[in-house]
Amino acid sequence: MEYLAKIIRETKTESKQFWQYDFLNLQTGEEGSFYHKEKVDYFPSLPGKLELCEDEQKQKFYQDFDQEVFKTAEEFRKAEELEASIKLRKELKENVEEIKNNLDEERIKPTPQLVARLRKLGITQKLLATKVFYVDERTIRNLEKKAKLPSRKLKKRGRKRKIIGYNLKLLRNFTKSKEDKSIKTQQEIVKEYQKIGLELHQSTISRALTRENQTYKRASKRYSELDIKRAKQFIREKYWLYSYPYCFALDEFGFYSNEVPRSALSRKGCPVEVIQPGEKGDYYSVILCVQNIAGRSKIKVSYKPIKNVRKKRKKKNSKKKETTKNGTKAVDFHDFLASIEFPSNKECHVLLDNATIHRATKVCIKAGRLPIKELAVKKRIILEYLPPRAPMINPAELFINNIKDYIKKERPRTEEKVKSVIKQAIKDLKQKNLTETFRHCRDKLNVKLNYKSGK
């Protein structure tokens, strides 16, 4: 379902699990609402194309809100006219109801023009206040003075906004990161506005961004090669898998032994330093396999740490030696997968990415081992390959982030310490509800099937 709409309100539901957003349909003038598990990133003052989906309980859920649908000022002006006409109809309806209520109560509302005409007929202010309008005598005097003043249009209090309408839409374009360009600084935005004849100061840009609740923050990355439609289709087809207790998520990661945390505490306004060795240290690879269960089980988290071996070989036509590093090889992955004791009486599924070692055939045969696909058949498991460049729907990625943060915090420097820290990180991971992470990855792309509203 698609709407030309403007979001007018956002609140947390009673269960605190969802955000409820109320929107105004600019084409029909009707108000509606939808739900989303996270806060939606948008400019509150701008309309856009709202895309929603509906579950079996007829509850609407967020899919997308495109505020860049208006390519020209003329298109944006038409949307503003629709919104203005809806507001006008609403005000007229409220005025009619107010007049009706006054008539029902048989009380006449005093106006400056009406008071002036009655005073010309010789009716005193006291009589008008006590017998006609039933208000204070001072109110009658003030209305009479107001009738003698020339009529003037009242202005809104406060500073007049300089960035509104289509200019606000341009500001959104300047501050949103895209594949081919990064966001502009506030000084660069001022120069862009000057090109179209709008003289502004940097502080005006800052106030506009603050008014629209826009802040600078650390961004999560998304690959430009990601086929978002293919990733969503995978979620639709494998939606049930993220709640299946015999679903496993598998991935590899690496780290240097001398890595340190990137952040630290310090007094506000004071710099902070993190002390680290000058060399990166030894490089380690870890293969991780996590089961989608909330309680204790025989199989929950499996892992295999690998210390990378440095090899030195001579370059061609050179006396110097070149240092190379070995990462996780197909044989390592084969041996790790073969070592996991999957339940034999259940159908097990393994989520993994499209790395070359996950499909290895020739290398495994050369090393005297079964190809990966034949090994999967032997182990009675089904390999579910994720779409390329889609780490956000692989639960193992989030577990890896937690493990790497713990390793950086502990700062192991020797091989024995590294293995001990990894073992402790895995032990802590086993105490968590892993199903929540699987479901988080399932809902990351806003693909919801038969999903309860959570109100």
Protein backbone atom coordinates (compact mmCIF):
# COMPACT_ATOMS: atom_id res chain seq x y z
CA MET A 1 0.00 0.00 0.00
CA GLU A 2 1.32 3.42 -1.00
CA TYR A 3 0.18 6.84 0.23
CA LEU A 4 1.11 10.44 -0.45
CA ALA A 5 1.30 11.32 3.22
CA LYS A 6 2.83 13.36 6.01
CA ILE A 7 3.71 11.89 9.41
CA ILE A 8 2.09 14.06 12.08
CA ARG A 9 2.68 12.16 15.33
CA GLU A 10 4.82 9.42 16.89
CA THR A 11 4.33 7.61 20.21
CA LYS A 12 5.51 4.44 21.95
CA THR A 13 2.95 1.66 22.32
CA GLU A 14 1.96 0.43 25.78
CA SER A 15 4.07 -2.70 25.35
CA LYS A 16 7.15 -0.52 24.57
CA GLN A 17 8.00 -2.87 21.69
CA PHE A 18 6.79 -0.72 18.79
CA TRP A 19 6.57 2.90 17.72
CA GLN A 20 3.14 4.06 16.54
CA TYR A 21 3.11 6.70 13.81
CA ASP A 22 0.01 8.70 12.83
CA PHE A 23 -0.02 10.05 9.28
CA LEU A 24 -2.23 12.31 7.16
CA ASN A 25 -3.23 11.02 3.73
CA LEU A 26 -2.86 14.11 1.50
CA GLN A 27 -5.01 12.58 -1.26
CA THR A 28 -8.08 11.78 0.87
CA GLY A 29 -7.60 13.97 3.95
CA GLU A 30 -8.00 10.95 6.24
CA GLU A 31 -5.70 10.08 9.13
CA GLY A 32 -4.20 6.63 9.68
CA SER A 33 -1.49 4.91 11.71
CA PHE A 34 1.23 2.30 11.31
CA TYR A 35 3.78 0.52 13.51
CA HIS A 36 7.53 0.04 13.36
CA LYS A 37 10.00 -1.59 15.71
CA GLU A 38 12.54 1.25 15.40
CA LYS A 39 12.36 5.03 14.99
CA VAL A 40 11.82 6.15 11.39
CA ASP A 41 14.39 8.56 9.94
CA TYR A 42 12.49 11.44 8.31
CA PHE A 43 11.99 15.24 8.27
CA PRO A 44 8.75 15.91 10.25
CA SER A 45 7.89 19.01 8.19
CA LEU A 46 8.10 17.28 4.79
CA PRO A 47 5.54 15.02 3.06
CA GLY A 48 6.55 11.95 1.06
CA LYS A 49 5.53 8.63 -0.44
CA LEU A 50 4.68 6.21 2.39
CA GLU A 51 4.82 2.46 1.71
CA LEU A 52 3.12 0.12 4.20
CA CYS A 53 2.23 -3.57 4.48
CA GLU A 54 -0.65 -5.19 6.34
CA ASP A 55 -0.77 -8.35 8.48
CA GLU A 56 -3.63 -10.75 9.17
CA GLN A 57 -4.94 -8.52 11.99
CA LYS A 58 -5.25 -5.60 9.51
CA GLN A 59 -2.45 -3.74 11.30
CA LYS A 60 -0.21 -1.62 9.07
CA PHE A 61 3.59 -1.86 9.29
CA TYR A 62 6.29 0.43 7.92
CA GLN A 63 8.15 -0.45 4.72
CA ASP A 64 9.56 2.83 3.37
CA PHE A 65 9.03 6.61 3.51
CA ASP A 66 10.52 8.34 0.45
CA GLN A 67 10.73 12.11 0.95
CA GLU A 68 12.72 12.56 -2.27
CA VAL A 69 9.74 11.72 -4.49
CA PHE A 70 9.30 15.42 -5.38
CA LYS A 71 11.93 16.20 -8.02
CA THR A 72 10.85 19.80 -8.79
CA ALA A 73 9.50 22.79 -6.87
CA GLU A 74 6.24 22.54 -8.86
CA GLU A 75 5.60 18.96 -7.68
CA PHE A 76 6.31 19.97 -4.10
CA ARG A 77 3.97 22.99 -4.39
CA LYS A 78 1.08 20.71 -5.44
CA ALA A 79 1.61 18.58 -2.32
CA GLU A 80 1.63 21.72 -0.16
CA GLU A 81 -1.66 22.85 -1.76
CA LEU A 82 -3.24 19.50 -0.91
CA GLU A 83 -2.13 19.84 2.71
CA ALA A 84 -3.36 23.46 2.90
CA SER A 85 -6.81 22.52 1.53
CA ILE A 86 -7.11 19.72 4.12
CA LYS A 87 -6.24 22.14 6.93
CA LEU A 88 -8.78 24.68 5.61
CA ARG A 89 -11.55 22.08 5.52
CA LYS A 90 -10.68 21.02 9.05
CA GLU A 91 -10.80 24.63 10.33
CA LEU A 92 -14.16 25.26 8.62
CA LYS A 93 -15.57 22.12 10.21
CA GLU A 94 -14.36 23.20 13.64
CA ASN A 95 -15.87 26.70 13.18
CA VAL A 96 -19.24 25.24 12.17
CA GLU A 97 -19.24 23.01 15.25
CA GLU A 98 -18.34 25.98 17.46
CA ILE A 99 -21.21 28.09 16.05
CA LYS A 100 -23.58 25.17 16.54
CA ASN A 101 -22.50 24.79 20.16
CA ASN A 102 -23.02 28.52 20.78
CA LEU A 103 -26.53 28.36 19.32
CA ASP A 104 -27.33 25.29 21.41
CA GLU A 105 -26.25 27.13 24.54
CA GLU A 106 -28.22 30.25 23.42
CA ARG A 107 -25.22 32.43 24.10
CA ILE A 108 -23.91 34.99 21.64
CA LYS A 109 -20.16 35.35 21.32
CA PRO A 110 -19.10 39.02 21.59
CA THR A 111 -17.06 40.39 18.69
CA PRO A 112 -15.55 43.88 18.26
CA GLN A 113 -17.93 44.74 15.39
CA LEU A 114 -21.06 43.56 17.27
CA VAL A 115 -20.13 45.42 20.46
CA ALA A 116 -19.47 48.64 18.48
CA ARG A 117 -22.89 48.50 16.77
CA LEU A 118 -24.74 47.89 20.05
CA ARG A 119 -22.89 50.78 21.71
CA LYS A 120 -24.02 53.08 18.89
CA LEU A 121 -27.61 52.17 19.80
CA GLY A 122 -26.99 53.61 23.27
CA ILE A 123 -26.63 50.37 25.24
CA THR A 124 -24.19 50.77 28.13
CA GLN A 125 -21.10 48.62 28.62
CA LYS A 126 -22.42 47.33 31.95
CA LEU A 127 -25.70 46.22 30.38
CA LEU A 128 -23.90 44.45 27.54
CA ALA A 129 -21.64 42.66 30.01
CA THR A 130 -24.32 41.54 32.49
CA LYS A 131 -27.48 41.02 30.42
CA VAL A 132 -26.38 40.29 26.85
CA PHE A 133 -23.00 38.54 26.67
CA TYR A 134 -22.50 37.49 30.33
CA VAL A 135 -18.85 38.51 30.41
CA ASP A 136 -16.73 40.92 32.41
CA GLU A 137 -17.21 44.64 31.77
CA ARG A 138 -13.52 44.99 31.00
CA THR A 139 -13.95 42.54 28.12
CA ILE A 140 -16.59 44.81 26.56
CA ARG A 141 -14.28 47.85 26.88
CA ASN A 142 -11.39 45.98 25.25
CA LEU A 143 -13.58 44.80 22.36
CA GLU A 144 -14.85 48.34 21.79
CA LYS A 145 -11.29 49.68 21.65
CA LYS A 146 -10.31 46.90 19.27
CA ALA A 147 -13.17 47.84 16.91
CA LYS A 148 -11.83 51.40 16.63
CA LEU A 149 -8.32 50.20 15.65
CA PRO A 150 -7.58 49.49 11.96
CA SER A 151 -7.79 45.76 11.14
CA ARG A 152 -4.39 44.16 10.72
CA LYS A 153 -3.21 40.63 10.11
CA LEU A 154 -1.70 39.08 13.20
CA LYS A 155 1.84 37.74 12.90
CA LYS A 156 3.18 34.63 14.55
CA ARG A 157 5.50 35.10 17.48
CA GLY A 158 9.19 34.32 17.17
CA ARG A 159 11.73 34.34 14.37
CA LYS A 160 10.40 33.92 10.83
CA ARG A 161 11.65 30.67 9.30
CA LYS A 162 13.86 31.03 6.25
CA ILE A 163 14.07 27.36 5.24
CA ILE A 164 10.57 26.06 4.51
CA GLY A 165 8.79 24.17 1.75
CA TYR A 166 10.93 23.12 -1.20
CA ASN A 167 14.04 24.72 0.34
CA LEU A 168 13.64 22.36 3.30
CA LYS A 169 13.41 19.46 0.87
CA LEU A 170 16.72 20.61 -0.68
CA LEU A 171 18.26 20.65 2.81
CA ARG A 172 17.28 17.01 3.23
CA ASN A 173 18.98 16.15 -0.07
CA PHE A 174 22.16 17.95 1.03
CA THR A 175 22.34 16.09 4.36
CA LYS A 176 21.56 12.54 3.19
CA SER A 177 24.47 10.30 2.22
CA LYS A 178 24.26 8.63 -1.19
CA GLU A 179 26.33 6.11 -3.10
CA ASP A 180 28.02 8.65 -5.37
CA LYS A 181 28.51 11.46 -2.85
CA SER A 182 28.81 12.11 0.87
CA ILE A 183 26.83 14.60 2.93
CA LYS A 184 27.68 18.30 2.70
CA THR A 185 28.92 20.37 5.61
CA GLN A 186 26.81 23.28 6.84
CA GLN A 187 29.16 25.79 5.18
CA GLU A 188 28.86 23.92 1.87
CA ILE A 189 25.06 23.94 2.21
CA VAL A 190 25.14 27.74 2.62
CA LYS A 191 27.04 28.02 -0.68
CA GLU A 192 24.50 25.74 -2.41
CA TYR A 193 21.65 27.99 -1.27
CA GLN A 194 23.55 31.07 -2.45
CA LYS A 195 23.65 29.57 -5.95
CA ILE A 196 19.84 29.68 -6.10
CA GLY A 197 19.68 33.22 -4.67
CA LEU A 198 18.93 32.46 -1.01
CA GLU A 199 21.24 34.27 1.42
CA LEU A 200 21.64 32.31 4.65
CA HIS A 201 24.03 31.97 7.55
CA GLN A 202 25.47 28.74 8.88
CA SER A 203 23.54 29.17 12.14
CA THR A 204 20.28 29.13 10.14
CA ILE A 205 21.19 25.69 8.78
CA SER A 206 22.00 24.50 12.29
CA ARG A 207 18.63 25.70 13.67
CA ALA A 208 16.73 24.06 10.81
CA LEU A 209 18.44 20.71 11.40
CA THR A 210 17.79 20.94 15.15
CA ARG A 211 14.12 21.75 14.53
CA GLU A 212 13.81 18.63 12.33
CA ASN A 213 15.54 16.47 15.01
CA GLN A 214 18.55 15.75 12.77
CA THR A 215 21.85 14.90 14.51
CA TYR A 216 25.26 13.66 13.39
CA LYS A 217 26.00 10.09 14.50
CA ARG A 218 28.14 7.12 13.64
CA ALA A 219 26.64 5.44 10.57
CA SER A 220 26.23 1.76 9.82
CA LYS A 221 27.51 0.72 6.39
CA ARG A 222 25.57 -0.86 3.55
CA TYR A 223 27.25 -2.18 0.40
CA SER A 224 26.32 -0.44 -2.86
CA GLU A 225 26.34 -3.85 -4.60
CA LEU A 226 23.53 -5.12 -2.34
CA ASP A 227 20.40 -6.16 -4.25
CA ILE A 228 17.80 -5.10 -1.69
CA LYS A 229 14.91 -6.74 -3.57
CA ARG A 230 16.75 -10.06 -3.64
CA ALA A 231 17.53 -9.80 0.08
CA LYS A 232 13.87 -9.08 0.91
CA GLN A 233 12.76 -11.99 -1.25
CA PHE A 234 15.12 -14.27 0.69
CA ILE A 235 13.52 -13.12 3.97
CA ARG A 236 10.02 -13.76 2.58
CA GLU A 237 10.94 -17.29 1.52
CA LYS A 238 12.93 -18.13 4.67
CA TYR A 239 10.93 -16.08 7.18
CA TRP A 240 10.10 -19.13 9.29
CA LEU A 241 13.75 -20.14 9.44
CA TYR A 242 14.68 -17.27 11.80
CA SER A 243 12.34 -18.73 14.44
CA TYR A 244 13.28 -22.37 13.81
CA PRO A 245 15.25 -23.82 16.79
CA TYR A 246 17.44 -25.99 14.53
CA CYS A 247 18.66 -23.10 12.41
CA PHE A 248 22.39 -22.27 12.66
CA ALA A 249 24.24 -19.09 11.61
CA LEU A 250 27.86 -19.46 10.50
CA ASP A 251 30.57 -16.96 9.61
CA GLU A 252 34.29 -16.22 10.01
CA PHE A 253 36.08 -13.18 11.40
CA GLY A 254 39.63 -12.07 12.07
CA PHE A 255 41.47 -9.73 14.43
CA TYR A 256 44.96 -8.63 15.43
CA SER A 257 46.19 -9.42 18.93
CA ASN A 258 47.25 -5.79 19.57
CA GLU A 259 43.89 -4.18 18.77
CA VAL A 260 42.38 -1.79 21.34
CA PRO A 261 38.92 -0.21 21.83
CA ARG A 262 38.19 2.86 19.70
CA SER A 263 36.37 4.75 22.46
CA ALA A 264 37.08 5.70 26.08
CA LEU A 265 35.64 7.94 28.79
CA SER A 266 36.88 11.47 29.46
CA ARG A 267 35.60 14.74 30.88
CA LYS A 268 33.35 16.64 28.49
CA GLY A 269 35.43 18.98 26.34
CA CYS A 270 38.69 17.14 27.05
CA PRO A 271 40.51 14.84 24.59
CA VAL A 272 41.09 11.18 25.40
CA GLU A 273 43.90 8.84 24.35
CA VAL A 274 44.00 5.06 23.99
CA ILE A 275 47.46 3.52 24.42
CA GLN A 276 48.29 0.74 21.95
CA PRO A 277 51.43 -1.01 20.63
CA GLY A 278 53.00 0.23 17.41
CA GLU A 279 52.72 -3.18 15.72
CA LYS A 280 49.45 -4.93 14.94
CA GLY A 281 50.63 -8.24 16.36
CA ASP A 282 49.64 -11.73 15.23
CA TYR A 283 46.51 -12.18 13.15
CA TYR A 284 43.90 -14.73 14.23
CA SER A 285 40.87 -16.11 12.42
CA VAL A 286 37.83 -17.62 14.13
CA ILE A 287 35.02 -19.68 12.61
CA LEU A 288 31.77 -19.29 14.54
CA CYS A 289 28.53 -21.30 14.39
CA VAL A 290 25.56 -20.29 16.57
CA GLN A 291 22.25 -22.11 17.07
CA ASN A 292 18.89 -20.30 17.17
CA ILE A 293 17.76 -21.23 20.67
CA ALA A 294 16.91 -19.32 23.83
CA GLY A 295 17.68 -21.96 26.48
CA ARG A 296 20.47 -24.37 27.18
CA SER A 297 21.21 -27.15 24.71
CA LYS A 298 23.88 -29.66 23.85
CA ILE A 299 24.77 -27.60 20.77
CA LYS A 300 24.56 -23.86 21.06
CA VAL A 301 27.82 -22.18 20.04
CA SER A 302 30.70 -23.85 18.19
CA TYR A 303 33.96 -22.12 17.29
CA LYS A 304 37.47 -22.76 16.03
CA PRO A 305 40.35 -20.24 16.49
CA ILE A 306 43.11 -20.30 13.85
CA LYS A 307 46.45 -18.54 14.20
CA ASN A 308 47.60 -17.28 10.81
CA VAL A 309 51.03 -18.48 9.71
CA ARG A 310 53.38 -15.95 8.18
CA LYS A 311 55.19 -17.26 5.13
CA LYS A 312 58.11 -15.58 3.45
CA ARG A 313 58.96 -16.04 -0.20
CA LYS A 314 61.15 -14.22 -2.65
CA LYS A 315 59.68 -11.95 -5.27
CA LYS A 316 60.57 -12.57 -8.89
CA ASN A 317 63.68 -10.66 -10.01
CA SER A 318 64.22 -9.41 -6.47
CA LYS A 319 66.35 -10.34 -3.48
CA LYS A 320 63.75 -9.05 -1.01
CA LYS A 321 61.33 -11.40 0.70
CA GLU A 322 57.57 -10.86 0.58
CA THR A 323 55.46 -11.61 3.66
CA THR A 324 52.07 -13.23 3.11
CA LYS A 325 49.32 -14.14 5.54
CA ASN A 326 47.00 -17.13 5.38
CA GLY A 327 43.37 -16.58 6.35
CA THR A 328 40.65 -19.17 6.81
CA LYS A 329 41.05 -21.83 4.13
CA ALA A 330 38.50 -24.21 2.62
CA VAL A 331 40.12 -27.12 4.48
CA ASP A 332 39.73 -25.29 7.80
CA PHE A 333 36.07 -24.66 7.06
CA HIS A 334 35.54 -28.29 6.00
CA ASP A 335 37.13 -29.67 9.17
CA PHE A 336 35.14 -27.26 11.36
CA LEU A 337 31.82 -28.17 9.72
CA ALA A 338 32.64 -31.88 10.00
CA SER A 339 33.43 -31.53 13.72
CA ILE A 340 30.01 -30.09 14.65
CA GLU A 341 27.61 -32.71 16.01
CA PHE A 342 24.30 -31.63 14.49
CA PRO A 343 21.11 -33.34 15.80
CA SER A 344 20.62 -36.45 13.66
CA ASN A 345 16.86 -36.69 14.21
CA LYS A 346 16.09 -33.11 13.12
CA GLU A 347 16.37 -31.21 9.83
CA CYS A 348 19.09 -28.61 10.40
CA HIS A 349 19.59 -25.46 8.31
CA VAL A 350 22.80 -23.41 8.25
CA LEU A 351 22.78 -19.72 7.24
CA LEU A 352 26.07 -18.64 5.66
CA ASP A 353 27.34 -16.12 3.13
CA ASN A 354 28.62 -16.68 -0.41
CA ALA A 355 32.34 -16.90 0.41
CA THR A 356 34.37 -19.11 -1.93
CA ILE A 357 35.40 -21.49 0.85
CA HIS A 358 31.72 -22.18 1.59
CA ARG A 359 31.31 -23.77 -1.87
CA ALA A 360 34.77 -25.31 -2.23
CA THR A 361 35.04 -28.49 -4.30
CA LYS A 362 38.42 -28.88 -6.03
CA VAL A 363 40.47 -27.69 -3.04
CA CYS A 364 38.73 -30.15 -0.72
CA ILE A 365 39.18 -33.06 -3.15
CA LYS A 366 42.86 -32.18 -3.57
CA ALA A 367 43.27 -32.25 0.23
CA GLY A 368 41.60 -35.66 0.42
CA ARG A 369 38.29 -34.39 1.77
CA LEU A 370 34.70 -34.32 0.59
CA PRO A 371 33.37 -31.25 -1.27
CA ILE A 372 31.38 -28.94 0.98
CA LYS A 373 28.01 -29.80 -0.59
CA GLU A 374 28.64 -33.55 -0.28
CA LEU A 375 29.71 -33.05 3.33
CA ALA A 376 26.42 -31.24 3.99
CA VAL A 377 24.49 -34.20 2.55
CA LYS A 378 26.50 -36.59 4.72
CA LYS A 379 25.85 -34.49 7.84
CA ARG A 380 22.14 -34.20 6.91
CA ILE A 381 22.18 -30.40 6.95
CA ILE A 382 20.84 -27.87 4.45
CA LEU A 383 23.14 -24.97 3.54
CA GLU A 384 21.13 -21.74 3.11
CA TYR A 385 23.32 -19.28 1.17
CA LEU A 386 22.48 -15.63 1.86
CA PRO A 387 22.28 -13.05 -0.96
CA PRO A 388 25.63 -11.35 -1.74
CA ARG A 389 26.62 -8.32 0.34
CA ALA A 390 23.83 -8.81 2.91
CA PRO A 391 25.54 -9.16 6.32
CA MET A 392 22.62 -7.44 8.08
CA ILE A 393 20.47 -10.59 7.73
CA ASN A 394 23.18 -12.94 9.03
CA PRO A 395 22.81 -13.26 12.85
CA ALA A 396 26.41 -14.47 13.16
CA GLU A 397 27.62 -10.95 12.24
CA LEU A 398 26.07 -9.45 15.39
CA PHE A 399 27.54 -12.16 17.61
CA ILE A 400 30.93 -11.52 16.01
CA ASN A 401 30.69 -7.81 16.86
CA ASN A 402 30.12 -8.66 20.53
CA ILE A 403 33.06 -11.07 20.59
CA LYS A 404 35.43 -8.61 18.88
CA ASP A 405 34.46 -5.84 21.32
CA TYR A 406 35.21 -8.15 24.24
CA ILE A 407 38.60 -9.11 22.75
CA LYS A 408 39.56 -5.45 22.27
CA LYS A 409 38.54 -4.68 25.85
CA GLU A 410 40.63 -7.52 27.32
CA ARG A 411 43.69 -6.76 25.07
CA PRO A 412 45.28 -10.24 24.84
CA ARG A 413 48.91 -10.18 23.71
CA THR A 414 49.93 -13.86 23.73
CA GLU A 415 48.44 -16.88 21.97
CA GLU A 416 47.42 -18.49 25.28
CA LYS A 417 45.70 -15.28 26.40
CA VAL A 418 43.92 -14.94 23.04
CA LYS A 419 42.46 -18.44 23.30
CA SER A 420 41.44 -17.82 26.92
CA VAL A 421 39.67 -14.56 26.03
CA ILE A 422 37.84 -16.14 23.08
CA LYS A 423 36.73 -19.01 25.31
CA GLN A 424 35.35 -16.56 27.89
CA ALA A 425 33.57 -14.53 25.18
CA ILE A 426 31.91 -17.70 23.87
CA LYS A 427 30.94 -18.66 27.42
CA ASP A 428 29.23 -15.28 27.91
CA LEU A 429 27.50 -15.66 24.55
CA LYS A 430 26.01 -19.01 25.61
CA GLN A 431 24.17 -17.31 28.48
CA LYS A 432 22.23 -14.99 26.14
CA ASN A 433 18.90 -15.44 24.39
CA LEU A 434 20.18 -16.00 20.85
CA THR A 435 16.68 -16.16 19.33
CA GLU A 436 16.22 -12.41 19.83
CA THR A 437 19.22 -11.71 17.58
CA PHE A 438 17.91 -14.04 14.87
CA ARG A 439 14.54 -12.27 14.89
CA HIS A 440 16.24 -8.87 14.86
CA CYS A 441 18.02 -9.81 11.61
CA ARG A 442 14.75 -11.12 10.19
CA ASP A 443 13.00 -7.78 10.81
CA LYS A 444 15.94 -5.61 9.72
CA LEU A 445 14.60 -5.12 6.17
CA ASN A 446 11.00 -4.49 7.33
CA VAL A 447 9.62 -7.65 5.71
CA LYS A 448 6.77 -8.78 7.96
CA LEU A 449 4.57 -11.82 7.36
CA ASN A 450 1.79 -12.79 9.79
CA TYR A 451 3.39 -10.50 12.38
CA LYS A 452 1.38 -9.39 15.42
CA SER A 453 1.01 -5.68 16.05
CA GLY A 454 2.34 -5.78 19.64
CA LYS A 455 -0.06 -3.13 20.86
